[in-house]
């Protein structure tokens, strides 16, 4: 890593951690404030959103790399595969929202701020961090398969809980409206998109490595 990059990394991590935690905490506050459900149910639903879980993952990554870069967790979050997988997941958050969901509602005020931070600012910040600072050695097309674990576990969780509670966080996985057949087809399409996006990131790493 070049000297200028090393000097820029620490301030970047401070900004990234601050912005991401602020966005998550603001959204939690707004969710509780505006919910008609109980606080416990609201919190469970809050943590049922892929957006929230992935932003928390990004916030943890920024924070650990800032405060404990040489710890076991710091070494874990510094791995090329972990950083790239995290970047892909937060990129998915941004793409899904801006392509499929943005037109479905019109948030205002503080909710608009939280919305833009979670779905635009944080994804762009982490993509930029990955591009500028993340190590990219040892990544190949087979590296992507372990990266499917996180979205797969998430899909199993929300579909299982939805079957019990009737709540699905996103319209494209709403079994009540679409039925299992269409939801599973949507999930398959999302996994294919995840794979293709992963391959794009792998291709970028190869170009950057020369």
Foldseek 3Di string as FASTA:
>chain_A
DDPVLVVVLLVLLVVLLVLLVVLLVLVLVVQCVPDPDDNVVSVVLSVLDLLNVLSVVSNVLSVCCNPPCPDPVNVVSQDQLNLLLSLLSQVLQQVCCVPPNVVVDDDDDSVVVSVCSSRPVNSVSSVVCCVRPHDHPPDDLVSCVVSVPVVVVSLVVQVVVCVVVVDHNDPLQRCVPPNPVSSVVSVVVVVVVSSVSSNVVNVVSVVVVD
